[in-house]
Amino acid sequence: MTDRELALQAWESLFRAQHQLLAEMAVDFEGSALAQVEYDVLLTVVRAPEMTSRLRDITARSLISQPSVSRLIDRMVTRGLISKAVDPEDGRGAVITATDAGAKAFRQLATVHGRTIAEKMSPLDDAELATLLRLTQKLRGV
């Protein structure tokens, strides 16, 4: 059986580490063409085949609510970062595709943000990073 106090301490440490790292990395988005939530959407879309993803997949991977994702998508369409079309396999759904401008903005920021992530994770060696990845995937059930 799991030690409850140890579980609470581990959770708090994980939560505080995430909060601290996100706050420190927020500087990457200051003055950027993309907000952090837009970057998150484009991360999913740009990495998908043909830079196209279903809206329901974006919502599932997002850390914000479904109504918030829908409003965000509409704003990103207006800004020309993505396009939105009816899902040909499910008329109730939508497919989201990165525009050239959206993909370019994502890639420019991803270069900077990737360096920051590597720097912030550098106190861990490769074995520790692999362990962290395995443990967080286990907690997420993947």
N, C-alpha and C. Protein backbone atom coordinates (compact mmCIF):
# COMPACT_ATOMS: atom_id res chain seq x y z
N MET A 1 0.84 -1.18 0.00
CA MET A 1 0.00 0.00 0.00
C MET A 1 0.88 1.25 0.00
N THR A 2 0.46 2.27 -0.72
CA THR A 2 1.22 3.51 -0.84
C THR A 2 1.20 4.27 0.48
N ASP A 3 2.35 4.80 0.84
CA ASP A 3 2.47 5.66 2.02
C ASP A 3 1.79 6.99 1.70
N ARG A 4 0.71 7.28 2.39
CA ARG A 4 -0.09 8.48 2.10
C ARG A 4 0.72 9.77 2.24
N GLU A 5 1.49 9.89 3.30
CA GLU A 5 2.28 11.11 3.50
C GLU A 5 3.32 11.29 2.40
N LEU A 6 3.97 10.21 2.01
CA LEU A 6 4.95 10.26 0.93
C LEU A 6 4.27 10.64 -0.38
N ALA A 7 3.10 10.07 -0.62
CA ALA A 7 2.34 10.40 -1.84
C ALA A 7 2.00 11.89 -1.87
N LEU A 8 1.57 12.44 -0.75
CA LEU A 8 1.24 13.86 -0.68
C LEU A 8 2.48 14.73 -0.91
N GLN A 9 3.60 14.35 -0.32
CA GLN A 9 4.84 15.11 -0.51
C GLN A 9 5.30 15.05 -1.97
N ALA A 10 5.22 13.88 -2.57
CA ALA A 10 5.62 13.73 -3.97
C ALA A 10 4.72 14.56 -4.88
N TRP A 11 3.42 14.51 -4.62
CA TRP A 11 2.47 15.28 -5.43
C TRP A 11 2.75 16.78 -5.31
N GLU A 12 2.94 17.25 -4.09
CA GLU A 12 3.19 18.67 -3.89
C GLU A 12 4.48 19.09 -4.58
N SER A 13 5.52 18.27 -4.49
CA SER A 13 6.79 18.59 -5.14
C SER A 13 6.64 18.63 -6.66
N LEU A 14 5.93 17.65 -7.21
CA LEU A 14 5.68 17.61 -8.65
C LEU A 14 4.89 18.84 -9.09
N PHE A 15 3.84 19.17 -8.36
CA PHE A 15 2.99 20.31 -8.68
C PHE A 15 3.80 21.61 -8.62
N ARG A 16 4.59 21.78 -7.55
CA ARG A 16 5.38 23.01 -7.40
C ARG A 16 6.48 23.11 -8.46
N ALA A 17 7.09 21.99 -8.81
CA ALA A 17 8.12 22.00 -9.86
C ALA A 17 7.50 22.42 -11.19
N GLN A 18 6.34 21.86 -11.52
CA GLN A 18 5.67 22.22 -12.76
C GLN A 18 5.31 23.71 -12.76
N HIS A 19 4.74 24.18 -11.68
CA HIS A 19 4.33 25.58 -11.58
C HIS A 19 5.55 26.50 -11.74
N GLN A 20 6.63 26.19 -11.06
CA GLN A 20 7.84 27.00 -11.14
C GLN A 20 8.42 27.01 -12.55
N LEU A 21 8.52 25.83 -13.16
CA LEU A 21 9.09 25.76 -14.50
C LEU A 21 8.22 26.49 -15.52
N LEU A 22 6.90 26.34 -15.43
CA LEU A 22 6.01 27.05 -16.36
C LEU A 22 6.15 28.56 -16.20
N ALA A 23 6.25 29.01 -14.97
CA ALA A 23 6.41 30.45 -14.73
C ALA A 23 7.73 30.95 -15.31
N GLU A 24 8.79 30.19 -15.13
CA GLU A 24 10.09 30.58 -15.66
C GLU A 24 10.12 30.55 -17.18
N MET A 25 9.38 29.65 -17.79
CA MET A 25 9.37 29.54 -19.25
C MET A 25 8.38 30.50 -19.91
N ALA A 26 7.53 31.13 -19.13
CA ALA A 26 6.55 32.07 -19.68
C ALA A 26 7.23 33.22 -20.41
N VAL A 27 8.46 33.50 -20.06
CA VAL A 27 9.20 34.59 -20.72
C VAL A 27 9.33 34.33 -22.22
N ASP A 28 9.34 33.08 -22.64
CA ASP A 28 9.43 32.76 -24.07
C ASP A 28 8.26 33.34 -24.86
N PHE A 29 7.13 33.53 -24.21
CA PHE A 29 5.92 33.96 -24.90
C PHE A 29 5.72 35.48 -24.87
N GLU A 30 6.53 36.16 -24.05
CA GLU A 30 6.43 37.62 -23.97
C GLU A 30 6.91 38.23 -25.27
N GLY A 31 6.06 39.04 -25.88
CA GLY A 31 6.41 39.67 -27.16
C GLY A 31 6.37 38.73 -28.34
N SER A 32 5.91 37.50 -28.13
CA SER A 32 5.82 36.51 -29.20
C SER A 32 4.54 36.72 -30.00
N ALA A 33 4.51 36.18 -31.20
CA ALA A 33 3.31 36.23 -32.04
C ALA A 33 2.23 35.30 -31.51
N LEU A 34 2.58 34.40 -30.58
CA LEU A 34 1.64 33.40 -30.08
C LEU A 34 1.52 33.47 -28.57
N ALA A 35 0.30 33.31 -28.09
CA ALA A 35 0.07 33.13 -26.66
C ALA A 35 0.37 31.67 -26.33
N GLN A 36 0.60 31.38 -25.06
CA GLN A 36 0.93 30.02 -24.65
C GLN A 36 -0.16 29.02 -25.05
N VAL A 37 -1.43 29.38 -24.91
CA VAL A 37 -2.51 28.45 -25.28
C VAL A 37 -2.57 28.25 -26.79
N GLU A 38 -2.23 29.27 -27.57
CA GLU A 38 -2.19 29.12 -29.03
C GLU A 38 -1.04 28.19 -29.43
N TYR A 39 0.08 28.35 -28.76
CA TYR A 39 1.23 27.47 -29.00
C TYR A 39 0.83 26.02 -28.73
N ASP A 40 0.10 25.80 -27.65
CA ASP A 40 -0.34 24.46 -27.28
C ASP A 40 -1.21 23.85 -28.38
N VAL A 41 -2.14 24.62 -28.92
CA VAL A 41 -2.99 24.14 -30.02
C VAL A 41 -2.13 23.82 -31.23
N LEU A 42 -1.24 24.74 -31.59
CA LEU A 42 -0.41 24.53 -32.77
C LEU A 42 0.57 23.36 -32.58
N LEU A 43 0.99 23.11 -31.36
CA LEU A 43 1.85 21.96 -31.08
C LEU A 43 1.15 20.68 -31.52
N THR A 44 -0.11 20.55 -31.17
CA THR A 44 -0.89 19.37 -31.56
C THR A 44 -1.11 19.33 -33.07
N VAL A 45 -1.49 20.46 -33.65
CA VAL A 45 -1.84 20.50 -35.07
C VAL A 45 -0.62 20.33 -35.97
N VAL A 46 0.44 21.07 -35.70
CA VAL A 46 1.62 21.02 -36.56
C VAL A 46 2.27 19.64 -36.55
N ARG A 47 2.21 18.96 -35.42
CA ARG A 47 2.82 17.62 -35.33
C ARG A 47 1.96 16.52 -35.94
N ALA A 48 0.71 16.82 -36.23
CA ALA A 48 -0.20 15.82 -36.82
C ALA A 48 0.10 15.66 -38.31
N PRO A 49 -0.27 14.50 -38.87
CA PRO A 49 -0.08 14.30 -40.31
C PRO A 49 -0.78 15.42 -41.09
N GLU A 50 -0.07 15.95 -42.07
CA GLU A 50 -0.58 17.04 -42.92
C GLU A 50 -0.99 18.27 -42.11
N MET A 51 -0.41 18.42 -40.92
CA MET A 51 -0.69 19.55 -40.03
C MET A 51 -2.20 19.76 -39.84
N THR A 52 -2.91 18.63 -39.69
CA THR A 52 -4.36 18.66 -39.51
C THR A 52 -4.74 17.73 -38.36
N SER A 53 -5.60 18.24 -37.50
CA SER A 53 -6.05 17.47 -36.34
C SER A 53 -7.54 17.69 -36.14
N ARG A 54 -8.20 16.71 -35.59
CA ARG A 54 -9.61 16.88 -35.26
C ARG A 54 -9.74 17.76 -34.01
N LEU A 55 -10.79 18.55 -34.00
CA LEU A 55 -11.04 19.44 -32.87
C LEU A 55 -11.13 18.65 -31.58
N ARG A 56 -11.76 17.49 -31.61
CA ARG A 56 -11.91 16.69 -30.39
C ARG A 56 -10.55 16.22 -29.86
N ASP A 57 -9.58 15.98 -30.75
CA ASP A 57 -8.24 15.59 -30.32
C ASP A 57 -7.50 16.76 -29.68
N ILE A 58 -7.69 17.94 -30.23
CA ILE A 58 -7.08 19.14 -29.65
C ILE A 58 -7.67 19.36 -28.26
N THR A 59 -8.98 19.24 -28.14
CA THR A 59 -9.65 19.43 -26.86
C THR A 59 -9.15 18.41 -25.83
N ALA A 60 -8.99 17.16 -26.25
CA ALA A 60 -8.54 16.11 -25.34
C ALA A 60 -7.12 16.36 -24.83
N ARG A 61 -6.29 16.96 -25.66
CA ARG A 61 -4.89 17.22 -25.28
C ARG A 61 -4.71 18.56 -24.57
N SER A 62 -5.73 19.38 -24.61
CA SER A 62 -5.62 20.72 -24.06
C SER A 62 -5.86 20.73 -22.55
N LEU A 63 -5.31 21.73 -21.91
CA LEU A 63 -5.48 21.87 -20.47
C LEU A 63 -6.59 22.86 -20.13
N ILE A 64 -7.35 23.28 -21.14
CA ILE A 64 -8.47 24.18 -20.89
C ILE A 64 -9.77 23.49 -21.30
N SER A 65 -10.89 24.04 -20.88
CA SER A 65 -12.19 23.41 -21.11
C SER A 65 -12.59 23.44 -22.58
N GLN A 66 -13.50 22.55 -22.95
CA GLN A 66 -13.96 22.45 -24.34
C GLN A 66 -14.53 23.76 -24.86
N PRO A 67 -15.39 24.47 -24.10
CA PRO A 67 -15.88 25.75 -24.62
C PRO A 67 -14.74 26.76 -24.83
N SER A 68 -13.75 26.74 -23.95
CA SER A 68 -12.61 27.66 -24.09
C SER A 68 -11.79 27.30 -25.33
N VAL A 69 -11.63 26.01 -25.60
CA VAL A 69 -10.89 25.58 -26.79
C VAL A 69 -11.63 26.05 -28.04
N SER A 70 -12.94 25.89 -28.06
CA SER A 70 -13.73 26.30 -29.23
C SER A 70 -13.58 27.79 -29.50
N ARG A 71 -13.64 28.60 -28.46
CA ARG A 71 -13.47 30.06 -28.63
C ARG A 71 -12.05 30.39 -29.07
N LEU A 72 -11.07 29.70 -28.51
CA LEU A 72 -9.68 29.91 -28.89
C LEU A 72 -9.48 29.57 -30.36
N ILE A 73 -10.02 28.45 -30.80
CA ILE A 73 -9.91 28.04 -32.20
C ILE A 73 -10.50 29.12 -33.11
N ASP A 74 -11.66 29.63 -32.76
CA ASP A 74 -12.29 30.68 -33.57
C ASP A 74 -11.39 31.93 -33.65
N ARG A 75 -10.78 32.31 -32.53
CA ARG A 75 -9.87 33.48 -32.54
C ARG A 75 -8.65 33.20 -33.41
N MET A 76 -8.14 31.97 -33.35
CA MET A 76 -6.96 31.62 -34.14
C MET A 76 -7.29 31.58 -35.63
N VAL A 77 -8.51 31.18 -35.98
CA VAL A 77 -8.95 31.23 -37.38
C VAL A 77 -8.98 32.68 -37.84
N THR A 78 -9.55 33.56 -37.03
CA THR A 78 -9.62 34.98 -37.36
C THR A 78 -8.23 35.57 -37.56
N ARG A 79 -7.27 35.13 -36.76
CA ARG A 79 -5.89 35.64 -36.85
C ARG A 79 -5.11 35.01 -38.01
N GLY A 80 -5.70 34.00 -38.68
CA GLY A 80 -5.04 33.37 -39.82
C GLY A 80 -3.99 32.34 -39.44
N LEU A 81 -4.03 31.84 -38.20
CA LEU A 81 -3.06 30.84 -37.74
C LEU A 81 -3.47 29.42 -38.12
N ILE A 82 -4.77 29.20 -38.22
CA ILE A 82 -5.32 27.88 -38.54
C ILE A 82 -6.56 28.06 -39.41
N SER A 83 -6.98 26.98 -40.04
CA SER A 83 -8.27 26.96 -40.74
C SER A 83 -9.12 25.87 -40.09
N LYS A 84 -10.41 26.01 -40.24
CA LYS A 84 -11.36 25.09 -39.63
C LYS A 84 -12.35 24.66 -40.69
N ALA A 85 -12.59 23.35 -40.78
CA ALA A 85 -13.53 22.81 -41.75
C ALA A 85 -14.35 21.71 -41.10
N VAL A 86 -15.47 21.39 -41.71
CA VAL A 86 -16.31 20.29 -41.23
C VAL A 86 -15.54 18.99 -41.40
N ASP A 87 -15.57 18.15 -40.39
CA ASP A 87 -14.91 16.85 -40.44
C ASP A 87 -15.66 15.98 -41.44
N PRO A 88 -15.00 15.53 -42.52
CA PRO A 88 -15.69 14.73 -43.52
C PRO A 88 -16.15 13.36 -43.00
N GLU A 89 -15.52 12.89 -41.90
CA GLU A 89 -15.90 11.60 -41.33
C GLU A 89 -16.97 11.73 -40.26
N ASP A 90 -17.16 12.94 -39.74
CA ASP A 90 -18.15 13.19 -38.69
C ASP A 90 -18.62 14.63 -38.84
N GLY A 91 -19.74 14.81 -39.50
CA GLY A 91 -20.25 16.14 -39.79
C GLY A 91 -20.48 17.02 -38.58
N ARG A 92 -20.54 16.42 -37.39
CA ARG A 92 -20.72 17.22 -36.17
C ARG A 92 -19.41 17.81 -35.70
N GLY A 93 -18.30 17.25 -36.16
CA GLY A 93 -16.98 17.67 -35.71
C GLY A 93 -16.30 18.60 -36.69
N ALA A 94 -15.09 18.97 -36.36
CA ALA A 94 -14.31 19.86 -37.21
C ALA A 94 -12.87 19.37 -37.30
N VAL A 95 -12.24 19.68 -38.42
CA VAL A 95 -10.82 19.44 -38.57
C VAL A 95 -10.12 20.79 -38.62
N ILE A 96 -8.98 20.85 -37.96
CA ILE A 96 -8.22 22.07 -37.82
C ILE A 96 -6.89 21.87 -38.53
N THR A 97 -6.53 22.81 -39.38
CA THR A 97 -5.28 22.73 -40.13
C THR A 97 -4.47 24.00 -39.89
N ALA A 98 -3.19 23.82 -39.66
CA ALA A 98 -2.30 24.97 -39.50
C ALA A 98 -2.12 25.65 -40.85
N THR A 99 -2.22 26.96 -40.87
CA THR A 99 -1.89 27.72 -42.08
C THR A 99 -0.37 27.86 -42.15
N ASP A 100 0.11 28.33 -43.28
CA ASP A 100 1.55 28.56 -43.40
C ASP A 100 2.01 29.56 -42.34
N ALA A 101 1.21 30.60 -42.11
CA ALA A 101 1.57 31.61 -41.10
C ALA A 101 1.58 31.01 -39.70
N GLY A 102 0.61 30.16 -39.41
CA GLY A 102 0.55 29.51 -38.09
C GLY A 102 1.72 28.57 -37.87
N ALA A 103 2.03 27.78 -38.89
CA ALA A 103 3.16 26.84 -38.79
C ALA A 103 4.47 27.60 -38.63
N LYS A 104 4.62 28.70 -39.36
CA LYS A 104 5.84 29.50 -39.25
C LYS A 104 5.98 30.11 -37.86
N ALA A 105 4.90 30.68 -37.34
CA ALA A 105 4.93 31.28 -36.00
C ALA A 105 5.24 30.21 -34.96
N PHE A 106 4.65 29.03 -35.11
CA PHE A 106 4.91 27.93 -34.18
C PHE A 106 6.38 27.54 -34.22
N ARG A 107 6.92 27.35 -35.41
CA ARG A 107 8.31 26.88 -35.54
C ARG A 107 9.30 27.89 -34.99
N GLN A 108 9.03 29.17 -35.22
CA GLN A 108 9.93 30.20 -34.68
C GLN A 108 9.95 30.16 -33.16
N LEU A 109 8.79 30.06 -32.55
CA LEU A 109 8.70 30.02 -31.10
C LEU A 109 9.21 28.68 -30.56
N ALA A 110 8.95 27.60 -31.28
CA ALA A 110 9.37 26.27 -30.83
C ALA A 110 10.89 26.18 -30.71
N THR A 111 11.60 26.88 -31.57
CA THR A 111 13.06 26.88 -31.51
C THR A 111 13.53 27.49 -30.19
N VAL A 112 12.98 28.64 -29.86
CA VAL A 112 13.34 29.34 -28.61
C VAL A 112 12.86 28.53 -27.41
N HIS A 113 11.61 28.10 -27.45
CA HIS A 113 11.01 27.39 -26.32
C HIS A 113 11.70 26.05 -26.09
N GLY A 114 12.08 25.37 -27.15
CA GLY A 114 12.80 24.10 -27.02
C GLY A 114 14.13 24.28 -26.30
N ARG A 115 14.84 25.37 -26.62
CA ARG A 115 16.10 25.66 -25.93
C ARG A 115 15.85 25.91 -24.44
N THR A 116 14.80 26.67 -24.14
CA THR A 116 14.48 26.96 -22.74
C THR A 116 14.13 25.69 -21.99
N ILE A 117 13.33 24.84 -22.60
CA ILE A 117 12.95 23.58 -21.96
C ILE A 117 14.20 22.75 -21.67
N ALA A 118 15.09 22.63 -22.67
CA ALA A 118 16.32 21.85 -22.48
C ALA A 118 17.15 22.44 -21.34
N GLU A 119 17.23 23.76 -21.28
CA GLU A 119 18.00 24.43 -20.22
C GLU A 119 17.37 24.15 -18.85
N LYS A 120 16.06 24.26 -18.74
CA LYS A 120 15.39 24.07 -17.46
C LYS A 120 15.45 22.61 -17.00
N MET A 121 15.54 21.68 -17.95
CA MET A 121 15.60 20.26 -17.61
C MET A 121 17.04 19.77 -17.44
N SER A 122 18.02 20.64 -17.70
CA SER A 122 19.42 20.23 -17.68
C SER A 122 19.96 19.78 -16.32
N PRO A 123 19.34 20.13 -15.18
CA PRO A 123 19.84 19.55 -13.93
C PRO A 123 19.70 18.02 -13.87
N LEU A 124 18.85 17.47 -14.73
CA LEU A 124 18.66 16.02 -14.78
C LEU A 124 19.53 15.42 -15.89
N ASP A 125 20.16 14.28 -15.60
CA ASP A 125 20.92 13.61 -16.66
C ASP A 125 19.95 12.78 -17.50
N ASP A 126 20.46 12.17 -18.56
CA ASP A 126 19.59 11.43 -19.49
C ASP A 126 18.84 10.29 -18.80
N ALA A 127 19.50 9.59 -17.90
CA ALA A 127 18.83 8.48 -17.20
C ALA A 127 17.70 9.02 -16.33
N GLU A 128 17.93 10.15 -15.67
CA GLU A 128 16.88 10.75 -14.83
C GLU A 128 15.73 11.26 -15.69
N LEU A 129 16.04 11.86 -16.84
CA LEU A 129 14.98 12.31 -17.75
C LEU A 129 14.14 11.13 -18.23
N ALA A 130 14.80 10.02 -18.56
CA ALA A 130 14.07 8.82 -19.01
C ALA A 130 13.19 8.29 -17.88
N THR A 131 13.69 8.32 -16.67
CA THR A 131 12.90 7.88 -15.52
C THR A 131 11.71 8.81 -15.30
N LEU A 132 11.96 10.12 -15.37
CA LEU A 132 10.87 11.10 -15.22
C LEU A 132 9.80 10.88 -16.28
N LEU A 133 10.20 10.69 -17.51
CA LEU A 133 9.25 10.44 -18.59
C LEU A 133 8.43 9.18 -18.30
N ARG A 134 9.11 8.12 -17.93
CA ARG A 134 8.42 6.85 -17.65
C ARG A 134 7.42 7.02 -16.50
N LEU A 135 7.84 7.71 -15.45
CA LEU A 135 6.97 7.90 -14.27
C LEU A 135 5.78 8.78 -14.59
N THR A 136 5.98 9.86 -15.33
CA THR A 136 4.84 10.73 -15.63
C THR A 136 3.88 10.05 -16.61
N GLN A 137 4.41 9.25 -17.53
CA GLN A 137 3.53 8.49 -18.40
C GLN A 137 2.73 7.46 -17.60
N LYS A 138 3.36 6.85 -16.63
CA LYS A 138 2.67 5.88 -15.79
C LYS A 138 1.54 6.57 -15.01
N LEU A 139 1.83 7.74 -14.47
CA LEU A 139 0.78 8.48 -13.75
C LEU A 139 -0.38 8.87 -14.66
N ARG A 140 -0.08 9.14 -15.94
CA ARG A 140 -1.10 9.53 -16.90
C ARG A 140 -1.80 8.31 -17.54
N GLY A 141 -1.29 7.13 -17.25
CA GLY A 141 -1.92 5.92 -17.80
C GLY A 141 -1.64 5.70 -19.27
N VAL A 142 -0.48 6.18 -19.73
CA VAL A 142 -0.12 5.97 -21.16
C VAL A 142 1.12 5.10 -21.27
